[in-house]
Amino acid sequence: SRGVYREKPAERLTNLTARQQDRVSQLCE
């Protein structure tokens, strides 16, 4: 073990389909 590993956040999700964008918004809310 080299200790806790944290990913680099994407911060924003791009190149999503319109349906994916809508669903992400629904789930986030």
mmCIF file of all heavy atoms, coordinates in Angstrom:
data_MODEL
# 
_entry.id   MODEL 
# 
loop_
_atom_site.group_PDB 
_atom_site.id 
_atom_site.type_symbol 
_atom_site.label_atom_id 
_atom_site.label_alt_id 
_atom_site.label_comp_id 
_atom_site.label_asym_id 
_atom_site.label_entity_id 
_atom_site.label_seq_id 
_atom_site.pdbx_PDB_ins_code 
_atom_site.Cartn_x 
_atom_site.Cartn_y 
_atom_site.Cartn_z 
_atom_site.occupancy 
_atom_site.B_iso_or_equiv 
_atom_site.pdbx_formal_charge 
_atom_site.auth_seq_id 
_atom_site.auth_comp_id 
_atom_site.auth_asym_id 
_atom_site.auth_atom_id 
_atom_site.pdbx_PDB_model_num 
ATOM 1   N N   . SER A 1 1  ? 0.845   -1.185 0.000   1.00 0.00 ? 1  SER A N   1 
ATOM 2   C CA  . SER A 1 1  ? 0.000   0.000  0.000   1.00 0.00 ? 1  SER A CA  1 
ATOM 3   C C   . SER A 1 1  ? 0.885   1.240  0.000   1.00 0.00 ? 1  SER A C   1 
ATOM 4   O O   . SER A 1 1  ? 1.833   1.330  0.785   1.00 0.00 ? 1  SER A O   1 
ATOM 5   C CB  . SER A 1 1  ? -0.916  0.023  1.234   1.00 0.00 ? 1  SER A CB  1 
ATOM 6   O OG  . SER A 1 1  ? -1.604  1.251  1.334   1.00 0.00 ? 1  SER A OG  1 
ATOM 7   N N   . ARG A 1 2  ? 0.567   2.181  -0.878  1.00 0.00 ? 2  ARG A N   1 
ATOM 8   C CA  . ARG A 1 2  ? 1.297   3.450  -0.937  1.00 0.00 ? 2  ARG A CA  1 
ATOM 9   C C   . ARG A 1 2  ? 0.498   4.584  -0.303  1.00 0.00 ? 2  ARG A C   1 
ATOM 10  O O   . ARG A 1 2  ? 0.848   5.750  -0.431  1.00 0.00 ? 2  ARG A O   1 
ATOM 11  C CB  . ARG A 1 2  ? 1.620   3.798  -2.386  1.00 0.00 ? 2  ARG A CB  1 
ATOM 12  C CG  . ARG A 1 2  ? 2.609   2.854  -3.060  1.00 0.00 ? 2  ARG A CG  1 
ATOM 13  C CD  . ARG A 1 2  ? 2.848   3.262  -4.494  1.00 0.00 ? 2  ARG A CD  1 
ATOM 14  N NE  . ARG A 1 2  ? 3.263   4.658  -4.594  1.00 0.00 ? 2  ARG A NE  1 
ATOM 15  C CZ  . ARG A 1 2  ? 3.261   5.361  -5.741  1.00 0.00 ? 2  ARG A CZ  1 
ATOM 16  N NH1 . ARG A 1 2  ? 2.835   4.790  -6.859  1.00 0.00 ? 2  ARG A NH1 1 
ATOM 17  N NH2 . ARG A 1 2  ? 3.660   6.615  -5.762  1.00 0.00 ? 2  ARG A NH2 1 
ATOM 18  N N   . GLY A 1 3  ? -0.557  4.248  0.392   1.00 0.00 ? 3  GLY A N   1 
ATOM 19  C CA  . GLY A 1 3  ? -1.379  5.270  1.026   1.00 0.00 ? 3  GLY A CA  1 
ATOM 20  C C   . GLY A 1 3  ? -2.596  5.601  0.193   1.00 0.00 ? 3  GLY A C   1 
ATOM 21  O O   . GLY A 1 3  ? -2.774  5.119  -0.926  1.00 0.00 ? 3  GLY A O   1 
ATOM 22  N N   . VAL A 1 4  ? -3.449  6.434  0.743   1.00 0.00 ? 4  VAL A N   1 
ATOM 23  C CA  . VAL A 1 4  ? -4.722  6.779  0.112   1.00 0.00 ? 4  VAL A CA  1 
ATOM 24  C C   . VAL A 1 4  ? -4.498  7.387  -1.268  1.00 0.00 ? 4  VAL A C   1 
ATOM 25  O O   . VAL A 1 4  ? -3.658  8.279  -1.447  1.00 0.00 ? 4  VAL A O   1 
ATOM 26  C CB  . VAL A 1 4  ? -5.512  7.770  0.986   1.00 0.00 ? 4  VAL A CB  1 
ATOM 27  C CG1 . VAL A 1 4  ? -6.775  8.223  0.280   1.00 0.00 ? 4  VAL A CG1 1 
ATOM 28  C CG2 . VAL A 1 4  ? -5.859  7.126  2.325   1.00 0.00 ? 4  VAL A CG2 1 
ATOM 29  N N   . TYR A 1 5  ? -5.261  6.883  -2.251  1.00 0.00 ? 5  TYR A N   1 
ATOM 30  C CA  . TYR A 1 5  ? -5.182  7.440  -3.605  1.00 0.00 ? 5  TYR A CA  1 
ATOM 31  C C   . TYR A 1 5  ? -6.492  8.156  -3.929  1.00 0.00 ? 5  TYR A C   1 
ATOM 32  O O   . TYR A 1 5  ? -7.571  7.595  -3.783  1.00 0.00 ? 5  TYR A O   1 
ATOM 33  C CB  . TYR A 1 5  ? -4.957  6.328  -4.632  1.00 0.00 ? 5  TYR A CB  1 
ATOM 34  C CG  . TYR A 1 5  ? -4.921  6.849  -6.051  1.00 0.00 ? 5  TYR A CG  1 
ATOM 35  C CD1 . TYR A 1 5  ? -3.753  7.385  -6.578  1.00 0.00 ? 5  TYR A CD1 1 
ATOM 36  C CD2 . TYR A 1 5  ? -6.068  6.822  -6.853  1.00 0.00 ? 5  TYR A CD2 1 
ATOM 37  C CE1 . TYR A 1 5  ? -3.718  7.886  -7.875  1.00 0.00 ? 5  TYR A CE1 1 
ATOM 38  C CE2 . TYR A 1 5  ? -6.041  7.319  -8.150  1.00 0.00 ? 5  TYR A CE2 1 
ATOM 39  C CZ  . TYR A 1 5  ? -4.859  7.844  -8.655  1.00 0.00 ? 5  TYR A CZ  1 
ATOM 40  O OH  . TYR A 1 5  ? -4.836  8.343  -9.935  1.00 0.00 ? 5  TYR A OH  1 
ATOM 41  N N   . ARG A 1 6  ? -6.372  9.398  -4.358  1.00 0.00 ? 6  ARG A N   1 
ATOM 42  C CA  . ARG A 1 6  ? -7.549  10.175 -4.742  1.00 0.00 ? 6  ARG A CA  1 
ATOM 43  C C   . ARG A 1 6  ? -7.465  10.531 -6.223  1.00 0.00 ? 6  ARG A C   1 
ATOM 44  O O   . ARG A 1 6  ? -6.442  11.012 -6.697  1.00 0.00 ? 6  ARG A O   1 
ATOM 45  C CB  . ARG A 1 6  ? -7.662  11.449 -3.901  1.00 0.00 ? 6  ARG A CB  1 
ATOM 46  C CG  . ARG A 1 6  ? -8.035  11.200 -2.448  1.00 0.00 ? 6  ARG A CG  1 
ATOM 47  C CD  . ARG A 1 6  ? -8.183  12.513 -1.683  1.00 0.00 ? 6  ARG A CD  1 
ATOM 48  N NE  . ARG A 1 6  ? -8.702  12.318 -0.347  1.00 0.00 ? 6  ARG A NE  1 
ATOM 49  C CZ  . ARG A 1 6  ? -7.948  12.035 0.719   1.00 0.00 ? 6  ARG A CZ  1 
ATOM 50  N NH1 . ARG A 1 6  ? -6.634  11.908 0.570   1.00 0.00 ? 6  ARG A NH1 1 
ATOM 51  N NH2 . ARG A 1 6  ? -8.495  11.871 1.908   1.00 0.00 ? 6  ARG A NH2 1 
ATOM 52  N N   . GLU A 1 7  ? -8.545  10.294 -6.928  1.00 0.00 ? 7  GLU A N   1 
ATOM 53  C CA  . GLU A 1 7  ? -8.589  10.619 -8.347  1.00 0.00 ? 7  GLU A CA  1 
ATOM 54  C C   . GLU A 1 7  ? -8.599  12.134 -8.565  1.00 0.00 ? 7  GLU A C   1 
ATOM 55  O O   . GLU A 1 7  ? -9.048  12.899 -7.703  1.00 0.00 ? 7  GLU A O   1 
ATOM 56  C CB  . GLU A 1 7  ? -9.857  10.033 -8.978  1.00 0.00 ? 7  GLU A CB  1 
ATOM 57  C CG  . GLU A 1 7  ? -9.909  8.529  -9.002  1.00 0.00 ? 7  GLU A CG  1 
ATOM 58  C CD  . GLU A 1 7  ? -11.184 8.004  -9.633  1.00 0.00 ? 7  GLU A CD  1 
ATOM 59  O OE1 . GLU A 1 7  ? -12.123 8.809  -9.871  1.00 0.00 ? 7  GLU A OE1 1 
ATOM 60  O OE2 . GLU A 1 7  ? -11.243 6.797  -9.875  1.00 0.00 ? 7  GLU A OE2 1 
ATOM 61  N N   . LYS A 1 8  ? -8.166  12.542 -9.735  1.00 0.00 ? 8  LYS A N   1 
ATOM 62  C CA  . LYS A 1 8  ? -8.271  13.942 -10.116 1.00 0.00 ? 8  LYS A CA  1 
ATOM 63  C C   . LYS A 1 8  ? -9.699  14.195 -10.581 1.00 0.00 ? 8  LYS A C   1 
ATOM 64  O O   . LYS A 1 8  ? -10.161 13.565 -11.546 1.00 0.00 ? 8  LYS A O   1 
ATOM 65  C CB  . LYS A 1 8  ? -7.291  14.275 -11.238 1.00 0.00 ? 8  LYS A CB  1 
ATOM 66  C CG  . LYS A 1 8  ? -7.339  15.740 -11.652 1.00 0.00 ? 8  LYS A CG  1 
ATOM 67  C CD  . LYS A 1 8  ? -6.336  16.029 -12.751 1.00 0.00 ? 8  LYS A CD  1 
ATOM 68  C CE  . LYS A 1 8  ? -6.401  17.498 -13.173 1.00 0.00 ? 8  LYS A CE  1 
ATOM 69  N NZ  . LYS A 1 8  ? -5.435  17.786 -14.268 1.00 0.00 ? 8  LYS A NZ  1 
ATOM 70  N N   . PRO A 1 9  ? -10.430 15.071 -9.932  1.00 0.00 ? 9  PRO A N   1 
ATOM 71  C CA  . PRO A 1 9  ? -11.845 15.283 -10.289 1.00 0.00 ? 9  PRO A CA  1 
ATOM 72  C C   . PRO A 1 9  ? -12.011 15.775 -11.721 1.00 0.00 ? 9  PRO A C   1 
ATOM 73  O O   . PRO A 1 9  ? -11.213 16.568 -12.226 1.00 0.00 ? 9  PRO A O   1 
ATOM 74  C CB  . PRO A 1 9  ? -12.305 16.347 -9.285  1.00 0.00 ? 9  PRO A CB  1 
ATOM 75  C CG  . PRO A 1 9  ? -11.321 16.275 -8.158  1.00 0.00 ? 9  PRO A CG  1 
ATOM 76  C CD  . PRO A 1 9  ? -10.020 15.898 -8.790  1.00 0.00 ? 9  PRO A CD  1 
ATOM 77  N N   . ALA A 1 10 ? -13.073 15.309 -12.367 1.00 0.00 ? 10 ALA A N   1 
ATOM 78  C CA  . ALA A 1 10 ? -13.381 15.774 -13.716 1.00 0.00 ? 10 ALA A CA  1 
ATOM 79  C C   . ALA A 1 10 ? -13.890 17.213 -13.678 1.00 0.00 ? 10 ALA A C   1 
ATOM 80  O O   . ALA A 1 10 ? -13.748 17.962 -14.637 1.00 0.00 ? 10 ALA A O   1 
ATOM 81  C CB  . ALA A 1 10 ? -14.426 14.867 -14.351 1.00 0.00 ? 10 ALA A CB  1 
ATOM 82  N N   . GLU A 1 11 ? -14.532 17.590 -12.581 1.00 0.00 ? 11 GLU A N   1 
ATOM 83  C CA  . GLU A 1 11 ? -15.128 18.914 -12.352 1.00 0.00 ? 11 GLU A CA  1 
ATOM 84  C C   . GLU A 1 11 ? -16.361 19.161 -13.218 1.00 0.00 ? 11 GLU A C   1 
ATOM 85  O O   . GLU A 1 11 ? -17.395 19.582 -12.726 1.00 0.00 ? 11 GLU A O   1 
ATOM 86  C CB  . GLU A 1 11 ? -14.090 20.022 -12.541 1.00 0.00 ? 11 GLU A CB  1 
ATOM 87  C CG  . GLU A 1 11 ? -12.947 19.931 -11.523 1.00 0.00 ? 11 GLU A CG  1 
ATOM 88  C CD  . GLU A 1 11 ? -11.972 21.069 -11.650 1.00 0.00 ? 11 GLU A CD  1 
ATOM 89  O OE1 . GLU A 1 11 ? -12.149 21.918 -12.564 1.00 0.00 ? 11 GLU A OE1 1 
ATOM 90  O OE2 . GLU A 1 11 ? -11.024 21.108 -10.846 1.00 0.00 ? 11 GLU A OE2 1 
ATOM 91  N N   . ARG A 1 12 ? -16.233 18.916 -14.529 1.00 0.00 ? 12 ARG A N   1 
ATOM 92  C CA  . ARG A 1 12 ? -17.391 19.047 -15.427 1.00 0.00 ? 12 ARG A CA  1 
ATOM 93  C C   . ARG A 1 12 ? -17.437 17.840 -16.341 1.00 0.00 ? 12 ARG A C   1 
ATOM 94  O O   . ARG A 1 12 ? -16.408 17.331 -16.770 1.00 0.00 ? 12 ARG A O   1 
ATOM 95  C CB  . ARG A 1 12 ? -17.301 20.324 -16.264 1.00 0.00 ? 12 ARG A CB  1 
ATOM 96  C CG  . ARG A 1 12 ? -17.409 21.614 -15.464 1.00 0.00 ? 12 ARG A CG  1 
ATOM 97  C CD  . ARG A 1 12 ? -17.287 22.840 -16.365 1.00 0.00 ? 12 ARG A CD  1 
ATOM 98  N NE  . ARG A 1 12 ? -18.367 22.908 -17.354 1.00 0.00 ? 12 ARG A NE  1 
ATOM 99  C CZ  . ARG A 1 12 ? -18.203 22.702 -18.661 1.00 0.00 ? 12 ARG A CZ  1 
ATOM 100 N NH1 . ARG A 1 12 ? -17.016 22.381 -19.146 1.00 0.00 ? 12 ARG A NH1 1 
ATOM 101 N NH2 . ARG A 1 12 ? -19.227 22.805 -19.488 1.00 0.00 ? 12 ARG A NH2 1 
ATOM 102 N N   . LEU A 1 13 ? -18.659 17.386 -16.667 1.00 0.00 ? 13 LEU A N   1 
ATOM 103 C CA  . LEU A 1 13 ? -18.841 16.264 -17.582 1.00 0.00 ? 13 LEU A CA  1 
ATOM 104 C C   . LEU A 1 13 ? -19.256 16.803 -18.941 1.00 0.00 ? 13 LEU A C   1 
ATOM 105 O O   . LEU A 1 13 ? -20.314 17.424 -19.079 1.00 0.00 ? 13 LEU A O   1 
ATOM 106 C CB  . LEU A 1 13 ? -19.906 15.300 -17.056 1.00 0.00 ? 13 LEU A CB  1 
ATOM 107 C CG  . LEU A 1 13 ? -19.575 14.590 -15.743 1.00 0.00 ? 13 LEU A CG  1 
ATOM 108 C CD1 . LEU A 1 13 ? -20.740 13.715 -15.302 1.00 0.00 ? 13 LEU A CD1 1 
ATOM 109 C CD2 . LEU A 1 13 ? -18.304 13.755 -15.878 1.00 0.00 ? 13 LEU A CD2 1 
ATOM 110 N N   . THR A 1 14 ? -18.408 16.582 -19.928 1.00 0.00 ? 14 THR A N   1 
ATOM 111 C CA  . THR A 1 14 ? -18.677 17.072 -21.277 1.00 0.00 ? 14 THR A CA  1 
ATOM 112 C C   . THR A 1 14 ? -18.945 15.892 -22.211 1.00 0.00 ? 14 THR A C   1 
ATOM 113 O O   . THR A 1 14 ? -18.763 14.732 -21.853 1.00 0.00 ? 14 THR A O   1 
ATOM 114 C CB  . THR A 1 14 ? -17.488 17.893 -21.795 1.00 0.00 ? 14 THR A CB  1 
ATOM 115 O OG1 . THR A 1 14 ? -16.302 17.069 -21.766 1.00 0.00 ? 14 THR A OG1 1 
ATOM 116 C CG2 . THR A 1 14 ? -17.263 19.123 -20.921 1.00 0.00 ? 14 THR A CG2 1 
ATOM 117 N N   . ASN A 1 15 ? -19.369 16.217 -23.429 1.00 0.00 ? 15 ASN A N   1 
ATOM 118 C CA  . ASN A 1 15 ? -19.616 15.219 -24.475 1.00 0.00 ? 15 ASN A CA  1 
ATOM 119 C C   . ASN A 1 15 ? -20.651 14.167 -24.060 1.00 0.00 ? 15 ASN A C   1 
ATOM 120 O O   . ASN A 1 15 ? -20.535 12.995 -24.410 1.00 0.00 ? 15 ASN A O   1 
ATOM 121 C CB  . ASN A 1 15 ? -18.317 14.520 -24.883 1.00 0.00 ? 15 ASN A CB  1 
ATOM 122 C CG  . ASN A 1 15 ? -17.287 15.487 -25.437 1.00 0.00 ? 15 ASN A CG  1 
ATOM 123 O OD1 . ASN A 1 15 ? -17.637 16.410 -26.167 1.00 0.00 ? 15 ASN A OD1 1 
ATOM 124 N ND2 . ASN A 1 15 ? -16.033 15.281 -25.087 1.00 0.00 ? 15 ASN A ND2 1 
ATOM 125 N N   . LEU A 1 16 ? -21.650 14.607 -23.315 1.00 0.00 ? 16 LEU A N   1 
ATOM 126 C CA  . LEU A 1 16 ? -22.763 13.724 -22.972 1.00 0.00 ? 16 LEU A CA  1 
ATOM 127 C C   . LEU A 1 16 ? -23.889 13.911 -23.981 1.00 0.00 ? 16 LEU A C   1 
ATOM 128 O O   . LEU A 1 16 ? -24.034 14.986 -24.576 1.00 0.00 ? 16 LEU A O   1 
ATOM 129 C CB  . LEU A 1 16 ? -23.295 14.036 -21.573 1.00 0.00 ? 16 LEU A CB  1 
ATOM 130 C CG  . LEU A 1 16 ? -22.325 13.914 -20.397 1.00 0.00 ? 16 LEU A CG  1 
ATOM 131 C CD1 . LEU A 1 16 ? -23.050 14.257 -19.104 1.00 0.00 ? 16 LEU A CD1 1 
ATOM 132 C CD2 . LEU A 1 16 ? -21.718 12.532 -20.323 1.00 0.00 ? 16 LEU A CD2 1 
ATOM 133 N N   . THR A 1 17 ? -24.685 12.865 -24.177 1.00 0.00 ? 17 THR A N   1 
ATOM 134 C CA  . THR A 1 17 ? -25.867 13.013 -25.014 1.00 0.00 ? 17 THR A CA  1 
ATOM 135 C C   . THR A 1 17 ? -26.887 13.876 -24.278 1.00 0.00 ? 17 THR A C   1 
ATOM 136 O O   . THR A 1 17 ? -26.782 14.077 -23.054 1.00 0.00 ? 17 THR A O   1 
ATOM 137 C CB  . THR A 1 17 ? -26.488 11.644 -25.341 1.00 0.00 ? 17 THR A CB  1 
ATOM 138 O OG1 . THR A 1 17 ? -27.009 11.071 -24.125 1.00 0.00 ? 17 THR A OG1 1 
ATOM 139 C CG2 . THR A 1 17 ? -25.456 10.695 -25.949 1.00 0.00 ? 17 THR A CG2 1 
ATOM 140 N N   . ALA A 1 18 ? -27.862 14.361 -25.004 1.00 0.00 ? 18 ALA A N   1 
ATOM 141 C CA  . ALA A 1 18 ? -28.895 15.197 -24.381 1.00 0.00 ? 18 ALA A CA  1 
ATOM 142 C C   . ALA A 1 18 ? -29.635 14.416 -23.290 1.00 0.00 ? 18 ALA A C   1 
ATOM 143 O O   . ALA A 1 18 ? -29.933 14.961 -22.217 1.00 0.00 ? 18 ALA A O   1 
ATOM 144 C CB  . ALA A 1 18 ? -29.878 15.687 -25.445 1.00 0.00 ? 18 ALA A CB  1 
ATOM 145 N N   . ARG A 1 19 ? -29.917 13.141 -23.553 1.00 0.00 ? 19 ARG A N   1 
ATOM 146 C CA  . ARG A 1 19 ? -30.609 12.317 -22.555 1.00 0.00 ? 19 ARG A CA  1 
ATOM 147 C C   . ARG A 1 19 ? -29.737 12.107 -21.316 1.00 0.00 ? 19 ARG A C   1 
ATOM 148 O O   . ARG A 1 19 ? -30.226 12.118 -20.177 1.00 0.00 ? 19 ARG A O   1 
ATOM 149 C CB  . ARG A 1 19 ? -31.000 10.976 -23.158 1.00 0.00 ? 19 ARG A CB  1 
ATOM 150 C CG  . ARG A 1 19 ? -32.079 11.049 -24.222 1.00 0.00 ? 19 ARG A CG  1 
ATOM 151 C CD  . ARG A 1 19 ? -32.432 9.665  -24.739 1.00 0.00 ? 19 ARG A CD  1 
ATOM 152 N NE  . ARG A 1 19 ? -33.005 8.855  -23.672 1.00 0.00 ? 19 ARG A NE  1 
ATOM 153 C CZ  . ARG A 1 19 ? -32.958 7.537  -23.658 1.00 0.00 ? 19 ARG A CZ  1 
ATOM 154 N NH1 . ARG A 1 19 ? -32.325 6.863  -24.615 1.00 0.00 ? 19 ARG A NH1 1 
ATOM 155 N NH2 . ARG A 1 19 ? -33.528 6.853  -22.673 1.00 0.00 ? 19 ARG A NH2 1 
ATOM 156 N N   . GLN A 1 20 ? -28.452 11.923 -21.517 1.00 0.00 ? 20 GLN A N   1 
ATOM 157 C CA  . GLN A 1 20 ? -27.551 11.755 -20.378 1.00 0.00 ? 20 GLN A CA  1 
ATOM 158 C C   . GLN A 1 20 ? -27.459 13.039 -19.564 1.00 0.00 ? 20 GLN A C   1 
ATOM 159 O O   . GLN A 1 20 ? -27.476 13.000 -18.334 1.00 0.00 ? 20 GLN A O   1 
ATOM 160 C CB  . GLN A 1 20 ? -26.167 11.325 -20.863 1.00 0.00 ? 20 GLN A CB  1 
ATOM 161 C CG  . GLN A 1 20 ? -26.092 9.895  -21.358 1.00 0.00 ? 20 GLN A CG  1 
ATOM 162 C CD  . GLN A 1 20 ? -24.741 9.554  -21.948 1.00 0.00 ? 20 GLN A CD  1 
ATOM 163 O OE1 . GLN A 1 20 ? -24.020 10.426 -22.443 1.00 0.00 ? 20 GLN A OE1 1 
ATOM 164 N NE2 . GLN A 1 20 ? -24.381 8.272  -21.906 1.00 0.00 ? 20 GLN A NE2 1 
ATOM 165 N N   . GLN A 1 21 ? -27.369 14.166 -20.242 1.00 0.00 ? 21 GLN A N   1 
ATOM 166 C CA  . GLN A 1 21 ? -27.315 15.450 -19.537 1.00 0.00 ? 21 GLN A CA  1 
ATOM 167 C C   . GLN A 1 21 ? -28.568 15.669 -18.704 1.00 0.00 ? 21 GLN A C   1 
ATOM 168 O O   . GLN A 1 21 ? -28.494 16.094 -17.541 1.00 0.00 ? 21 GLN A O   1 
ATOM 169 C CB  . GLN A 1 21 ? -27.149 16.594 -20.549 1.00 0.00 ? 21 GLN A CB  1 
ATOM 170 C CG  . GLN A 1 21 ? -25.776 16.645 -21.208 1.00 0.00 ? 21 GLN A CG  1 
ATOM 171 C CD  . GLN A 1 21 ? -25.697 17.730 -22.271 1.00 0.00 ? 21 GLN A CD  1 
ATOM 172 O OE1 . GLN A 1 21 ? -26.720 18.229 -22.765 1.00 0.00 ? 21 GLN A OE1 1 
ATOM 173 N NE2 . GLN A 1 21 ? -24.493 18.095 -22.641 1.00 0.00 ? 21 GLN A NE2 1 
ATOM 174 N N   . ASP A 1 22 ? -29.721 15.371 -19.287 1.00 0.00 ? 22 ASP A N   1 
ATOM 175 C CA  . ASP A 1 22 ? -30.980 15.527 -18.556 1.00 0.00 ? 22 ASP A CA  1 
ATOM 176 C C   . ASP A 1 22 ? -31.020 14.609 -17.337 1.00 0.00 ? 22 ASP A C   1 
ATOM 177 O O   . ASP A 1 22 ? -31.464 15.025 -16.260 1.00 0.00 ? 22 ASP A O   1 
ATOM 178 C CB  . ASP A 1 22 ? -32.172 15.216 -19.472 1.00 0.00 ? 22 ASP A CB  1 
ATOM 179 C CG  . ASP A 1 22 ? -32.395 16.284 -20.514 1.00 0.00 ? 22 ASP A CG  1 
ATOM 180 O OD1 . ASP A 1 22 ? -31.847 17.392 -20.345 1.00 0.00 ? 22 ASP A OD1 1 
ATOM 181 O OD2 . ASP A 1 22 ? -33.112 16.012 -21.495 1.00 0.00 ? 22 ASP A OD2 1 
ATOM 182 N N   . ARG A 1 23 ? -30.575 13.385 -17.527 1.00 0.00 ? 23 ARG A N   1 
ATOM 183 C CA  . ARG A 1 23 ? -30.630 12.429 -16.415 1.00 0.00 ? 23 ARG A CA  1 
ATOM 184 C C   . ARG A 1 23 ? -29.659 12.815 -15.310 1.00 0.00 ? 23 ARG A C   1 
ATOM 185 O O   . ARG A 1 23 ? -29.987 12.682 -14.120 1.00 0.00 ? 23 ARG A O   1 
ATOM 186 C CB  . ARG A 1 23 ? -30.316 11.018 -16.928 1.00 0.00 ? 23 ARG A CB  1 
ATOM 187 C CG  . ARG A 1 23 ? -30.572 9.923  -15.896 1.00 0.00 ? 23 ARG A CG  1 
ATOM 188 C CD  . ARG A 1 23 ? -31.990 9.950  -15.392 1.00 0.00 ? 23 ARG A CD  1 
ATOM 189 N NE  . ARG A 1 23 ? -32.266 8.834  -14.485 1.00 0.00 ? 23 ARG A NE  1 
ATOM 190 C CZ  . ARG A 1 23 ? -33.143 8.883  -13.499 1.00 0.00 ? 23 ARG A CZ  1 
ATOM 191 N NH1 . ARG A 1 23 ? -33.838 9.987  -13.288 1.00 0.00 ? 23 ARG A NH1 1 
ATOM 192 N NH2 . ARG A 1 23 ? -33.338 7.821  -12.723 1.00 0.00 ? 23 ARG A NH2 1 
ATOM 193 N N   . VAL A 1 24 ? -28.473 13.270 -15.654 1.00 0.00 ? 24 VAL A N   1 
ATOM 194 C CA  . VAL A 1 24 ? -27.522 13.737 -14.647 1.00 0.00 ? 24 VAL A CA  1 
ATOM 195 C C   . VAL A 1 24 ? -28.136 14.874 -13.844 1.00 0.00 ? 24 VAL A C   1 
ATOM 196 O O   . VAL A 1 24 ? -28.050 14.907 -12.609 1.00 0.00 ? 24 VAL A O   1 
ATOM 197 C CB  . VAL A 1 24 ? -26.191 14.183 -15.295 1.00 0.00 ? 24 VAL A CB  1 
ATOM 198 C CG1 . VAL A 1 24 ? -25.349 14.976 -14.297 1.00 0.00 ? 24 VAL A CG1 1 
ATOM 199 C CG2 . VAL A 1 24 ? -25.394 12.976 -15.782 1.00 0.00 ? 24 VAL A CG2 1 
ATOM 200 N N   . SER A 1 25 ? -28.782 15.807 -14.528 1.00 0.00 ? 25 SER A N   1 
ATOM 201 C CA  . SER A 1 25 ? -29.413 16.937 -13.833 1.00 0.00 ? 25 SER A CA  1 
ATOM 202 C C   . SER A 1 25 ? -30.494 16.460 -12.879 1.00 0.00 ? 25 SER A C   1 
ATOM 203 O O   . SER A 1 25 ? -30.601 16.952 -11.749 1.00 0.00 ? 25 SER A O   1 
ATOM 204 C CB  . SER A 1 25 ? -30.007 17.914 -14.857 1.00 0.00 ? 25 SER A CB  1 
ATOM 205 O OG  . SER A 1 25 ? -28.995 18.477 -15.661 1.00 0.00 ? 25 SER A OG  1 
ATOM 206 N N   . GLN A 1 26 ? -31.301 15.504 -13.306 1.00 0.00 ? 26 GLN A N   1 
ATOM 207 C CA  . GLN A 1 26 ? -32.355 14.965 -12.450 1.00 0.00 ? 26 GLN A CA  1 
ATOM 208 C C   . GLN A 1 26 ? -31.777 14.295 -11.202 1.00 0.00 ? 26 GLN A C   1 
ATOM 209 O O   . GLN A 1 26 ? -32.255 14.520 -10.082 1.00 0.00 ? 26 GLN A O   1 
ATOM 210 C CB  . GLN A 1 26 ? -33.194 13.947 -13.227 1.00 0.00 ? 26 GLN A CB  1 
ATOM 211 C CG  . GLN A 1 26 ? -34.037 14.540 -14.332 1.00 0.00 ? 26 GLN A CG  1 
ATOM 212 C CD  . GLN A 1 26 ? -34.666 13.465 -15.205 1.00 0.00 ? 26 GLN A CD  1 
ATOM 213 O OE1 . GLN A 1 26 ? -34.569 12.265 -14.901 1.00 0.00 ? 26 GLN A OE1 1 
ATOM 214 N NE2 . GLN A 1 26 ? -35.291 13.864 -16.300 1.00 0.00 ? 26 GLN A NE2 1 
ATOM 215 N N   . LEU A 1 27 ? -30.752 13.474 -11.408 1.00 0.00 ? 27 LEU A N   1 
ATOM 216 C CA  . LEU A 1 27 ? -30.156 12.758 -10.279 1.00 0.00 ? 27 LEU A CA  1 
ATOM 217 C C   . LEU A 1 27 ? -29.457 13.713 -9.316  1.00 0.00 ? 27 LEU A C   1 
ATOM 218 O O   . LEU A 1 27 ? -29.536 13.534 -8.093  1.00 0.00 ? 27 LEU A O   1 
ATOM 219 C CB  . LEU A 1 27 ? -29.169 11.707 -10.791 1.00 0.00 ? 27 LEU A CB  1 
ATOM 220 C CG  . LEU A 1 27 ? -29.786 10.548 -11.577 1.00 0.00 ? 27 LEU A CG  1 
ATOM 221 C CD1 . LEU A 1 27 ? -28.698 9.695  -12.213 1.00 0.00 ? 27 LEU A CD1 1 
ATOM 222 C CD2 . LEU A 1 27 ? -30.678 9.688  -10.677 1.00 0.00 ? 27 LEU A CD2 1 
ATOM 223 N N   . CYS A 1 28 ? -28.793 14.712 -9.867  1.00 0.00 ? 28 CYS A N   1 
ATOM 224 C CA  . CYS A 1 28 ? -28.105 15.686 -9.003  1.00 0.00 ? 28 CYS A CA  1 
ATOM 225 C C   . CYS A 1 28 ? -29.099 16.461 -8.148  1.00 0.00 ? 28 CYS A C   1 
ATOM 226 O O   . CYS A 1 28 ? -28.860 16.706 -6.959  1.00 0.00 ? 28 CYS A O   1 
ATOM 227 C CB  . CYS A 1 28 ? -27.287 16.654 -9.857  1.00 0.00 ? 28 CYS A CB  1 
ATOM 228 S SG  . CYS A 1 28 ? -25.814 15.934 -10.600 1.00 0.00 ? 28 CYS A SG  1 
ATOM 229 N N   . GLU A 1 29 ? -30.223 16.827 -8.742  1.00 0.00 ? 29 GLU A N   1 
ATOM 230 C CA  . GLU A 1 29 ? -31.226 17.574 -7.993  1.00 0.00 ? 29 GLU A CA  1 
ATOM 231 C C   . GLU A 1 29 ? -31.915 16.689 -6.956  1.00 0.00 ? 29 GLU A C   1 
ATOM 232 O O   . GLU A 1 29 ? -32.141 17.114 -5.821  1.00 0.00 ? 29 GLU A O   1 
ATOM 233 C CB  . GLU A 1 29 ? -32.268 18.142 -8.959  1.00 0.00 ? 29 GLU A CB  1 
ATOM 234 C CG  . GLU A 1 29 ? -33.348 18.961 -8.268  1.00 0.00 ? 29 GLU A CG  1 
ATOM 235 C CD  . GLU A 1 29 ? -34.333 19.567 -9.252  1.00 0.00 ? 29 GLU A CD  1 
ATOM 236 O OE1 . GLU A 1 29 ? -34.147 19.397 -10.472 1.00 0.00 ? 29 GLU A OE1 1 
ATOM 237 O OE2 . GLU A 1 29 ? -35.309 20.206 -8.788  1.00 0.00 ? 29 GLU A OE2 1 
# 
